[in-house]
């Protein structure tokens, strides 16, 4: 158990919904979080490797790759000193190999330019392959800084909590997370928002009865949680016809094509 002051929120007078939201989410997360290996000893290096591997890849798929990678390259120095061939061999099967090459490049920059993993958001954003989400995750999860993170799960949770039925800009969700994140335990809060979206506030048929912030949710109050997020309008299917010509002479083949829409 902990109080509002434990998470860095003022508790004088009537609590605002966002204060209760942070308190309830963090309590729920600490009890129900999934035991992913990158949540143990979340150093900036370990968080960085996991976040890059998790890009467009399911967590269950990442786990064995993550463990093998850290066993072979336990820190940024060993990664920087490795050959690209060795790195790509360990990465084989994860796909999107540019991610591995960027990790190698960034590790060399860290060792040569900084000596250790940088702690500030601006410097981390300058690393190859690191965007706003990954930089925020490193600052928050590894250094417990008040830096927000926004992914698809977080956008969905915010949309339902506020009853947003129409699309908002990406900056809107980043601004909301910046406003909601508590001074203390920002790491737990960010992970709680993502965990809620991944396990309870599902894209289809959200498990509202299991949600720790159900009473705070505007979509639930209005009974429109299944309508958020709104279904995307699919583009009309276009049919196309292609003509292919193949010329063969001896052992040589010429292939040409022309498309008609």
C-alpha atoms as a PDB file:
ATOM      1  CA  UNK A   1       0.000   0.000   0.000  1.00  0.00           C
ATOM      2  CA  UNK A   2       1.115   3.571  -0.561  1.00  0.00           C
ATOM      3  CA  UNK A   3      -0.334   7.063  -0.367  1.00  0.00           C
ATOM      4  CA  UNK A   4      -0.616   9.857  -2.904  1.00  0.00           C
ATOM      5  CA  UNK A   5       2.528  11.408  -1.444  1.00  0.00           C
ATOM      6  CA  UNK A   6       4.415   8.184  -2.244  1.00  0.00           C
ATOM      7  CA  UNK A   7       3.919   8.825  -5.936  1.00  0.00           C
ATOM      8  CA  UNK A   8       4.612  12.542  -5.694  1.00  0.00           C
ATOM      9  CA  UNK A   9       1.037  13.859  -5.915  1.00  0.00           C
ATOM     10  CA  UNK A  10      -0.583  16.417  -3.642  1.00  0.00           C
ATOM     11  CA  UNK A  11      -3.527  15.044  -1.676  1.00  0.00           C
ATOM     12  CA  UNK A  12      -4.962  18.187  -0.144  1.00  0.00           C
ATOM     13  CA  UNK A  13      -8.662  18.696  -0.654  1.00  0.00           C
ATOM     14  CA  UNK A  14     -10.684  16.590  -3.083  1.00  0.00           C
ATOM     15  CA  UNK A  15      -8.470  14.430  -5.250  1.00  0.00           C
ATOM     16  CA  UNK A  16      -8.593  15.097  -8.984  1.00  0.00           C
ATOM     17  CA  UNK A  17      -9.366  12.076 -11.202  1.00  0.00           C
ATOM     18  CA  UNK A  18      -5.837  12.022 -12.602  1.00  0.00           C
ATOM     19  CA  UNK A  19      -4.406  11.621  -9.113  1.00  0.00           C
ATOM     20  CA  UNK A  20      -6.639   8.675  -8.392  1.00  0.00           C
ATOM     21  CA  UNK A  21      -5.875   7.320 -11.839  1.00  0.00           C
ATOM     22  CA  UNK A  22      -2.115   7.267 -11.162  1.00  0.00           C
ATOM     23  CA  UNK A  23      -2.550   5.797  -7.696  1.00  0.00           C
ATOM     24  CA  UNK A  24      -4.904   3.007  -8.818  1.00  0.00           C
ATOM     25  CA  UNK A  25      -2.887   2.166 -11.920  1.00  0.00           C
ATOM     26  CA  UNK A  26       0.434   1.886 -10.094  1.00  0.00           C
ATOM     27  CA  UNK A  27      -1.082  -0.303  -7.370  1.00  0.00           C
ATOM     28  CA  UNK A  28      -2.652  -2.567 -10.007  1.00  0.00           C
ATOM     29  CA  UNK A  29       0.546  -2.755 -12.049  1.00  0.00           C
ATOM     30  CA  UNK A  30       2.704  -3.778  -9.121  1.00  0.00           C
ATOM     31  CA  UNK A  31       0.350  -6.662  -8.443  1.00  0.00           C
ATOM     32  CA  UNK A  32      -0.442  -7.837 -11.976  1.00  0.00           C
ATOM     33  CA  UNK A  33       2.536  -6.962 -14.197  1.00  0.00           C
ATOM     34  CA  UNK A  34       3.829  -9.723 -16.412  1.00  0.00           C
ATOM     35  CA  UNK A  35       7.312 -11.049 -15.519  1.00  0.00           C
ATOM     36  CA  UNK A  36       9.176  -9.988 -18.656  1.00  0.00           C
ATOM     37  CA  UNK A  37      12.968 -10.474 -18.289  1.00  0.00           C
ATOM     38  CA  UNK A  38      13.740  -6.864 -19.272  1.00  0.00           C
ATOM     39  CA  UNK A  39      11.839  -5.663 -16.215  1.00  0.00           C
ATOM     40  CA  UNK A  40      14.515  -7.197 -14.008  1.00  0.00           C
ATOM     41  CA  UNK A  41      17.449  -4.859 -13.420  1.00  0.00           C
ATOM     42  CA  UNK A  42      16.279  -2.225 -15.944  1.00  0.00           C
ATOM     43  CA  UNK A  43      19.614  -0.622 -16.801  1.00  0.00           C
ATOM     44  CA  UNK A  44      19.569   1.813 -19.737  1.00  0.00           C
ATOM     45  CA  UNK A  45      21.379  -0.743 -21.894  1.00  0.00           C
ATOM     46  CA  UNK A  46      18.929  -3.556 -21.103  1.00  0.00           C
ATOM     47  CA  UNK A  47      15.907  -1.296 -21.623  1.00  0.00           C
ATOM     48  CA  UNK A  48      17.346  -0.050 -24.909  1.00  0.00           C
ATOM     49  CA  UNK A  49      17.973  -3.548 -26.282  1.00  0.00           C
ATOM     50  CA  UNK A  50      14.501  -4.735 -25.282  1.00  0.00           C
ATOM     51  CA  UNK A  51      12.698  -1.715 -26.713  1.00  0.00           C
ATOM     52  CA  UNK A  52      14.483  -2.033 -30.052  1.00  0.00           C
ATOM     53  CA  UNK A  53      13.757  -5.760 -30.233  1.00  0.00           C
ATOM     54  CA  UNK A  54      10.104  -5.186 -29.328  1.00  0.00           C
ATOM     55  CA  UNK A  55       9.560  -2.841 -32.260  1.00  0.00           C
ATOM     56  CA  UNK A  56       6.955  -4.586 -34.440  1.00  0.00           C
ATOM     57  CA  UNK A  57       7.713  -7.908 -32.707  1.00  0.00           C
ATOM     58  CA  UNK A  58       5.671  -9.719 -30.057  1.00  0.00           C
ATOM     59  CA  UNK A  59       7.142  -9.982 -26.573  1.00  0.00           C
ATOM     60  CA  UNK A  60       6.975 -13.797 -26.452  1.00  0.00           C
ATOM     61  CA  UNK A  61       9.006 -13.947 -29.659  1.00  0.00           C
ATOM     62  CA  UNK A  62      11.586 -11.509 -28.308  1.00  0.00           C
ATOM     63  CA  UNK A  63      12.337 -13.270 -24.993  1.00  0.00           C
ATOM     64  CA  UNK A  64      14.784 -15.975 -26.243  1.00  0.00           C
ATOM     65  CA  UNK A  65      16.515 -13.496 -28.561  1.00  0.00           C
ATOM     66  CA  UNK A  66      16.839 -10.975 -25.751  1.00  0.00           C
ATOM     67  CA  UNK A  67      18.371 -13.499 -23.371  1.00  0.00           C
ATOM     68  CA  UNK A  68      20.857 -14.814 -25.935  1.00  0.00           C
ATOM     69  CA  UNK A  69      21.801 -11.286 -26.983  1.00  0.00           C
ATOM     70  CA  UNK A  70      22.527 -10.167 -23.420  1.00  0.00           C
ATOM     71  CA  UNK A  71      24.477 -13.330 -22.710  1.00  0.00           C
ATOM     72  CA  UNK A  72      26.718 -12.622 -25.698  1.00  0.00           C
ATOM     73  CA  UNK A  73      26.750  -8.804 -25.371  1.00  0.00           C
ATOM     74  CA  UNK A  74      26.075  -7.982 -21.684  1.00  0.00           C
ATOM     75  CA  UNK A  75      26.888  -4.267 -21.971  1.00  0.00           C
ATOM     76  CA  UNK A  76      27.365  -1.446 -24.419  1.00  0.00           C
ATOM     77  CA  UNK A  77      31.147  -1.936 -24.544  1.00  0.00           C
ATOM     78  CA  UNK A  78      30.893  -5.559 -25.655  1.00  0.00           C
ATOM     79  CA  UNK A  79      28.285  -4.621 -28.259  1.00  0.00           C
ATOM     80  CA  UNK A  80      30.438  -1.813 -29.626  1.00  0.00           C
ATOM     81  CA  UNK A  81      33.438  -4.127 -29.893  1.00  0.00           C
ATOM     82  CA  UNK A  82      31.507  -6.878 -31.690  1.00  0.00           C
ATOM     83  CA  UNK A  83      31.536  -7.482 -35.412  1.00  0.00           C
ATOM     84  CA  UNK A  84      28.417  -6.763 -37.421  1.00  0.00           C
ATOM     85  CA  UNK A  85      28.453 -10.376 -38.581  1.00  0.00           C
ATOM     86  CA  UNK A  86      28.249 -11.710 -35.001  1.00  0.00           C
ATOM     87  CA  UNK A  87      25.422  -9.318 -34.163  1.00  0.00           C
ATOM     88  CA  UNK A  88      23.402 -10.233 -37.245  1.00  0.00           C
ATOM     89  CA  UNK A  89      23.865 -13.936 -36.552  1.00  0.00           C
ATOM     90  CA  UNK A  90      22.257 -13.524 -33.121  1.00  0.00           C
ATOM     91  CA  UNK A  91      19.567 -11.334 -34.645  1.00  0.00           C
ATOM     92  CA  UNK A  92      18.699 -13.844 -37.392  1.00  0.00           C
ATOM     93  CA  UNK A  93      14.978 -14.586 -37.318  1.00  0.00           C
ATOM     94  CA  UNK A  94      13.865 -11.314 -35.697  1.00  0.00           C
ATOM     95  CA  UNK A  95      13.736  -9.479 -39.016  1.00  0.00           C
ATOM     96  CA  UNK A  96      14.080  -5.753 -39.648  1.00  0.00           C
ATOM     97  CA  UNK A  97      17.867  -6.103 -39.596  1.00  0.00           C
ATOM     98  CA  UNK A  98      18.358  -2.363 -39.767  1.00  0.00           C
ATOM     99  CA  UNK A  99      17.486  -2.350 -36.067  1.00  0.00           C
ATOM    100  CA  UNK A 100      20.538  -4.510 -35.302  1.00  0.00           C
ATOM    101  CA  UNK A 101      22.827  -2.363 -37.430  1.00  0.00           C
ATOM    102  CA  UNK A 102      21.580   0.790 -35.698  1.00  0.00           C
ATOM    103  CA  UNK A 103      22.220  -0.811 -32.298  1.00  0.00           C
ATOM    104  CA  UNK A 104      25.800  -1.522 -33.315  1.00  0.00           C
ATOM    105  CA  UNK A 105      26.329   1.958 -34.688  1.00  0.00           C
ATOM    106  CA  UNK A 106      24.788   3.598 -31.620  1.00  0.00           C
ATOM    107  CA  UNK A 107      26.862   1.455 -29.247  1.00  0.00           C
ATOM    108  CA  UNK A 108      30.052   2.628 -30.954  1.00  0.00           C
ATOM    109  CA  UNK A 109      28.930   6.254 -30.650  1.00  0.00           C
ATOM    110  CA  UNK A 110      28.129   5.835 -26.962  1.00  0.00           C
ATOM    111  CA  UNK A 111      31.512   4.307 -26.183  1.00  0.00           C
ATOM    112  CA  UNK A 112      33.538   6.706 -28.316  1.00  0.00           C
ATOM    113  CA  UNK A 113      31.676   9.929 -27.582  1.00  0.00           C
ATOM    114  CA  UNK A 114      30.105   9.525 -24.135  1.00  0.00           C
ATOM    115  CA  UNK A 115      31.934   6.726 -22.370  1.00  0.00           C
ATOM    116  CA  UNK A 116      28.680   5.505 -20.818  1.00  0.00           C
ATOM    117  CA  UNK A 117      25.005   5.447 -21.695  1.00  0.00           C
ATOM    118  CA  UNK A 118      23.706   9.056 -21.761  1.00  0.00           C
ATOM    119  CA  UNK A 119      21.008  10.031 -19.280  1.00  0.00           C
ATOM    120  CA  UNK A 120      19.281  12.992 -20.944  1.00  0.00           C
ATOM    121  CA  UNK A 121      16.489  12.719 -23.485  1.00  0.00           C
ATOM    122  CA  UNK A 122      18.063  15.012 -26.070  1.00  0.00           C
ATOM    123  CA  UNK A 123      21.306  13.048 -26.263  1.00  0.00           C
ATOM    124  CA  UNK A 124      19.519   9.701 -26.354  1.00  0.00           C
ATOM    125  CA  UNK A 125      17.347  10.949 -29.227  1.00  0.00           C
ATOM    126  CA  UNK A 126      20.508  11.590 -31.232  1.00  0.00           C
ATOM    127  CA  UNK A 127      21.415   7.896 -31.231  1.00  0.00           C
ATOM    128  CA  UNK A 128      20.784   6.024 -34.506  1.00  0.00           C
ATOM    129  CA  UNK A 129      17.437   4.223 -34.585  1.00  0.00           C
ATOM    130  CA  UNK A 130      16.122   5.895 -31.424  1.00  0.00           C
ATOM    131  CA  UNK A 131      12.849   7.773 -31.694  1.00  0.00           C
ATOM    132  CA  UNK A 132      10.632   9.611 -29.271  1.00  0.00           C
ATOM    133  CA  UNK A 133       9.074   6.483 -27.773  1.00  0.00           C
ATOM    134  CA  UNK A 134      12.321   4.558 -27.272  1.00  0.00           C
ATOM    135  CA  UNK A 135      14.089   7.588 -25.784  1.00  0.00           C
ATOM    136  CA  UNK A 136      11.202   8.200 -23.398  1.00  0.00           C
ATOM    137  CA  UNK A 137      11.170   4.541 -22.377  1.00  0.00           C
ATOM    138  CA  UNK A 138      14.887   4.564 -21.596  1.00  0.00           C
ATOM    139  CA  UNK A 139      14.658   7.770 -19.561  1.00  0.00           C
ATOM    140  CA  UNK A 140      11.587   6.578 -17.683  1.00  0.00           C
ATOM    141  CA  UNK A 141      12.220   2.874 -17.175  1.00  0.00           C
ATOM    142  CA  UNK A 142      15.973   3.033 -16.594  1.00  0.00           C
ATOM    143  CA  UNK A 143      16.434   6.442 -14.942  1.00  0.00           C
ATOM    144  CA  UNK A 144      12.898   6.910 -13.498  1.00  0.00           C
ATOM    145  CA  UNK A 145      12.629  10.311 -15.146  1.00  0.00           C
ATOM    146  CA  UNK A 146       9.320  12.087 -15.785  1.00  0.00           C
ATOM    147  CA  UNK A 147       9.359  11.335 -19.496  1.00  0.00           C
ATOM    148  CA  UNK A 148       6.138  10.068 -21.085  1.00  0.00           C
ATOM    149  CA  UNK A 149       5.818   7.153 -23.477  1.00  0.00           C
ATOM    150  CA  UNK A 150       3.047   6.703 -26.011  1.00  0.00           C
ATOM    151  CA  UNK A 151       2.352   3.576 -28.016  1.00  0.00           C
ATOM    152  CA  UNK A 152      -0.812   2.067 -29.462  1.00  0.00           C
ATOM    153  CA  UNK A 153      -1.863   0.684 -26.083  1.00  0.00           C
ATOM    154  CA  UNK A 154      -1.461   4.042 -24.372  1.00  0.00           C
ATOM    155  CA  UNK A 155      -3.396   5.852 -27.110  1.00  0.00           C
ATOM    156  CA  UNK A 156      -6.264   3.396 -26.753  1.00  0.00           C
ATOM    157  CA  UNK A 157      -6.351   3.693 -22.948  1.00  0.00           C
ATOM    158  CA  UNK A 158      -6.380   7.493 -23.091  1.00  0.00           C
ATOM    159  CA  UNK A 159      -9.044   7.502 -25.796  1.00  0.00           C
ATOM    160  CA  UNK A 160     -11.346   5.337 -23.696  1.00  0.00           C
ATOM    161  CA  UNK A 161     -10.627   7.109 -20.427  1.00  0.00           C
ATOM    162  CA  UNK A 162     -11.601  10.408 -22.059  1.00  0.00           C
ATOM    163  CA  UNK A 163     -14.319   8.986 -24.303  1.00  0.00           C
ATOM    164  CA  UNK A 164     -12.586  10.209 -27.475  1.00  0.00           C
ATOM    165  CA  UNK A 165     -14.556   8.902 -30.448  1.00  0.00           C
ATOM    166  CA  UNK A 166     -12.683  10.738 -33.177  1.00  0.00           C
ATOM    167  CA  UNK A 167      -8.987  10.723 -33.938  1.00  0.00           C
ATOM    168  CA  UNK A 168      -6.690  13.086 -32.097  1.00  0.00           C
ATOM    169  CA  UNK A 169      -3.202  14.065 -33.207  1.00  0.00           C
ATOM    170  CA  UNK A 170      -0.210  12.142 -31.901  1.00  0.00           C
ATOM    171  CA  UNK A 171       0.918  15.226 -29.988  1.00  0.00           C
ATOM    172  CA  UNK A 172      -2.373  15.217 -28.095  1.00  0.00           C
ATOM    173  CA  UNK A 173      -1.552  11.866 -26.465  1.00  0.00           C
ATOM    174  CA  UNK A 174       2.019  12.867 -25.683  1.00  0.00           C
ATOM    175  CA  UNK A 175       0.703  16.020 -24.035  1.00  0.00           C
ATOM    176  CA  UNK A 176      -1.796  14.026 -21.983  1.00  0.00           C
ATOM    177  CA  UNK A 177       0.848  11.622 -20.748  1.00  0.00           C
ATOM    178  CA  UNK A 178       3.107  14.554 -19.852  1.00  0.00           C
ATOM    179  CA  UNK A 179       0.276  16.026 -17.789  1.00  0.00           C
ATOM    180  CA  UNK A 180      -0.660  12.752 -16.071  1.00  0.00           C
ATOM    181  CA  UNK A 181       2.745  11.291 -15.252  1.00  0.00           C
ATOM    182  CA  UNK A 182       3.506  11.541 -11.490  1.00  0.00           C
ATOM    183  CA  UNK A 183       6.720  12.992 -10.104  1.00  0.00           C
ATOM    184  CA  UNK A 184       7.592   9.745  -8.372  1.00  0.00           C
ATOM    185  CA  UNK A 185       7.452   6.306  -9.935  1.00  0.00           C
ATOM    186  CA  UNK A 186       6.970   7.585 -13.498  1.00  0.00           C
ATOM    187  CA  UNK A 187       8.402   4.264 -14.686  1.00  0.00           C
ATOM    188  CA  UNK A 188       5.634   2.287 -12.993  1.00  0.00           C
ATOM    189  CA  UNK A 189       2.998   4.668 -14.308  1.00  0.00           C
ATOM    190  CA  UNK A 190       4.182   4.439 -17.905  1.00  0.00           C
ATOM    191  CA  UNK A 191       4.412   0.666 -17.741  1.00  0.00           C
ATOM    192  CA  UNK A 192       1.015   0.461 -16.069  1.00  0.00           C
ATOM    193  CA  UNK A 193      -0.608   2.390 -18.912  1.00  0.00           C
ATOM    194  CA  UNK A 194       0.985   0.103 -21.492  1.00  0.00           C
ATOM    195  CA  UNK A 195       0.246  -3.039 -19.479  1.00  0.00           C
ATOM    196  CA  UNK A 196      -3.396  -2.044 -19.065  1.00  0.00           C
ATOM    197  CA  UNK A 197      -3.788  -1.619 -22.814  1.00  0.00           C
ATOM    198  CA  UNK A 198      -2.035  -4.898 -23.560  1.00  0.00           C
ATOM    199  CA  UNK A 199      -3.892  -7.108 -21.065  1.00  0.00           C
ATOM    200  CA  UNK A 200      -7.207  -5.469 -20.088  1.00  0.00           C
ATOM    201  CA  UNK A 201      -8.117  -2.497 -22.294  1.00  0.00           C
ATOM    202  CA  UNK A 202      -7.937  -4.656 -25.418  1.00  0.00           C
ATOM    203  CA  UNK A 203      -8.642  -3.389 -28.941  1.00  0.00           C
ATOM    204  CA  UNK A 204     -11.732  -5.622 -29.155  1.00  0.00           C
ATOM    205  CA  UNK A 205     -13.939  -6.576 -26.228  1.00  0.00           C
ATOM    206  CA  UNK A 206     -12.071  -4.802 -23.401  1.00  0.00           C
ATOM    207  CA  UNK A 207     -12.183  -6.562 -20.025  1.00  0.00           C
ATOM    208  CA  UNK A 208     -13.732  -3.645 -18.185  1.00  0.00           C
ATOM    209  CA  UNK A 209     -14.691  -5.702 -15.122  1.00  0.00           C
ATOM    210  CA  UNK A 210     -10.974  -6.299 -14.494  1.00  0.00           C
ATOM    211  CA  UNK A 211      -9.921  -2.688 -15.031  1.00  0.00           C
ATOM    212  CA  UNK A 212      -8.538  -0.848 -11.978  1.00  0.00           C
ATOM    213  CA  UNK A 213      -9.722   2.518 -13.345  1.00  0.00           C
ATOM    214  CA  UNK A 214     -13.143   1.449 -14.654  1.00  0.00           C
ATOM    215  CA  UNK A 215     -14.920   4.106 -12.585  1.00  0.00           C
ATOM    216  CA  UNK A 216     -12.678   6.803 -14.077  1.00  0.00           C
ATOM    217  CA  UNK A 217     -13.381   5.721 -17.657  1.00  0.00           C
ATOM    218  CA  UNK A 218     -15.690   7.993 -19.648  1.00  0.00           C
ATOM    219  CA  UNK A 219     -16.162   5.441 -22.421  1.00  0.00           C
ATOM    220  CA  UNK A 220     -17.313   2.861 -19.876  1.00  0.00           C
ATOM    221  CA  UNK A 221     -19.694   5.368 -18.317  1.00  0.00           C
ATOM    222  CA  UNK A 222     -21.233   6.087 -21.710  1.00  0.00           C
ATOM    223  CA  UNK A 223     -21.208   2.442 -22.753  1.00  0.00           C
ATOM    224  CA  UNK A 224     -19.138   3.132 -25.872  1.00  0.00           C
ATOM    225  CA  UNK A 225     -15.924   1.307 -24.952  1.00  0.00           C
ATOM    226  CA  UNK A 226     -16.416  -1.146 -27.844  1.00  0.00           C
ATOM    227  CA  UNK A 227     -16.660   1.760 -30.286  1.00  0.00           C
ATOM    228  CA  UNK A 228     -13.258   3.157 -29.319  1.00  0.00           C
ATOM    229  CA  UNK A 229     -11.020   3.297 -31.180  1.00  0.00           C
ATOM    230  CA  UNK A 230     -13.217   3.868 -34.208  1.00  0.00           C
ATOM    231  CA  UNK A 231     -12.816   1.381 -37.017  1.00  0.00           C
ATOM    232  CA  UNK A 232     -10.521   2.577 -39.744  1.00  0.00           C
ATOM    233  CA  UNK A 233     -12.023   3.303 -43.112  1.00  0.00           C
ATOM    234  CA  UNK A 234     -10.645   0.804 -45.565  1.00  0.00           C
ATOM    235  CA  UNK A 235      -9.519   2.001 -48.924  1.00  0.00           C
ATOM    236  CA  UNK A 236     -11.407   0.610 -51.863  1.00  0.00           C
ATOM    237  CA  UNK A 237      -9.733  -2.380 -53.462  1.00  0.00           C
ATOM    238  CA  UNK A 238      -8.372  -1.595 -56.890  1.00  0.00           C
ATOM    239  CA  UNK A 239      -8.056  -4.291 -59.482  1.00  0.00           C
ATOM    240  CA  UNK A 240      -5.118  -4.244 -61.825  1.00  0.00           C
ATOM    241  CA  UNK A 241      -4.137  -6.284 -64.827  1.00  0.00           C
ATOM    242  CA  UNK A 242      -0.577  -7.124 -65.751  1.00  0.00           C
ATOM    243  CA  UNK A 243       0.862  -8.380 -68.972  1.00  0.00           C
ATOM    244  CA  UNK A 244       4.116 -10.328 -68.747  1.00  0.00           C
ATOM    245  CA  UNK A 245       6.275 -11.187 -71.756  1.00  0.00           C
ATOM    246  CA  UNK A 246       8.949 -13.872 -71.549  1.00  0.00           C
ATOM    247  CA  UNK A 247      11.525 -14.308 -74.316  1.00  0.00           C
ATOM    248  CA  UNK A 248      13.802 -17.318 -74.224  1.00  0.00           C
ATOM    249  CA  UNK A 249      16.734 -17.994 -76.493  1.00  0.00           C
ATOM    250  CA  UNK A 250      19.147 -20.742 -75.648  1.00  0.00           C
ATOM    251  CA  UNK A 251      20.112 -20.356 -72.005  1.00  0.00           C
ATOM    252  CA  UNK A 252      19.103 -16.689 -71.824  1.00  0.00           C
ATOM    253  CA  UNK A 253      15.736 -15.381 -70.647  1.00  0.00           C
ATOM    254  CA  UNK A 254      14.330 -11.869 -70.944  1.00  0.00           C
ATOM    255  CA  UNK A 255      11.403 -10.984 -68.716  1.00  0.00           C
ATOM    256  CA  UNK A 256       9.401  -7.777 -69.218  1.00  0.00           C
ATOM    257  CA  UNK A 257       6.111  -6.616 -67.774  1.00  0.00           C
ATOM    258  CA  UNK A 258       3.546  -3.899 -68.307  1.00  0.00           C
ATOM    259  CA  UNK A 259       0.709  -3.018 -65.963  1.00  0.00           C
ATOM    260  CA  UNK A 260      -2.728  -1.694 -66.806  1.00  0.00           C
ATOM    261  CA  UNK A 261      -4.892  -0.296 -64.027  1.00  0.00           C
END
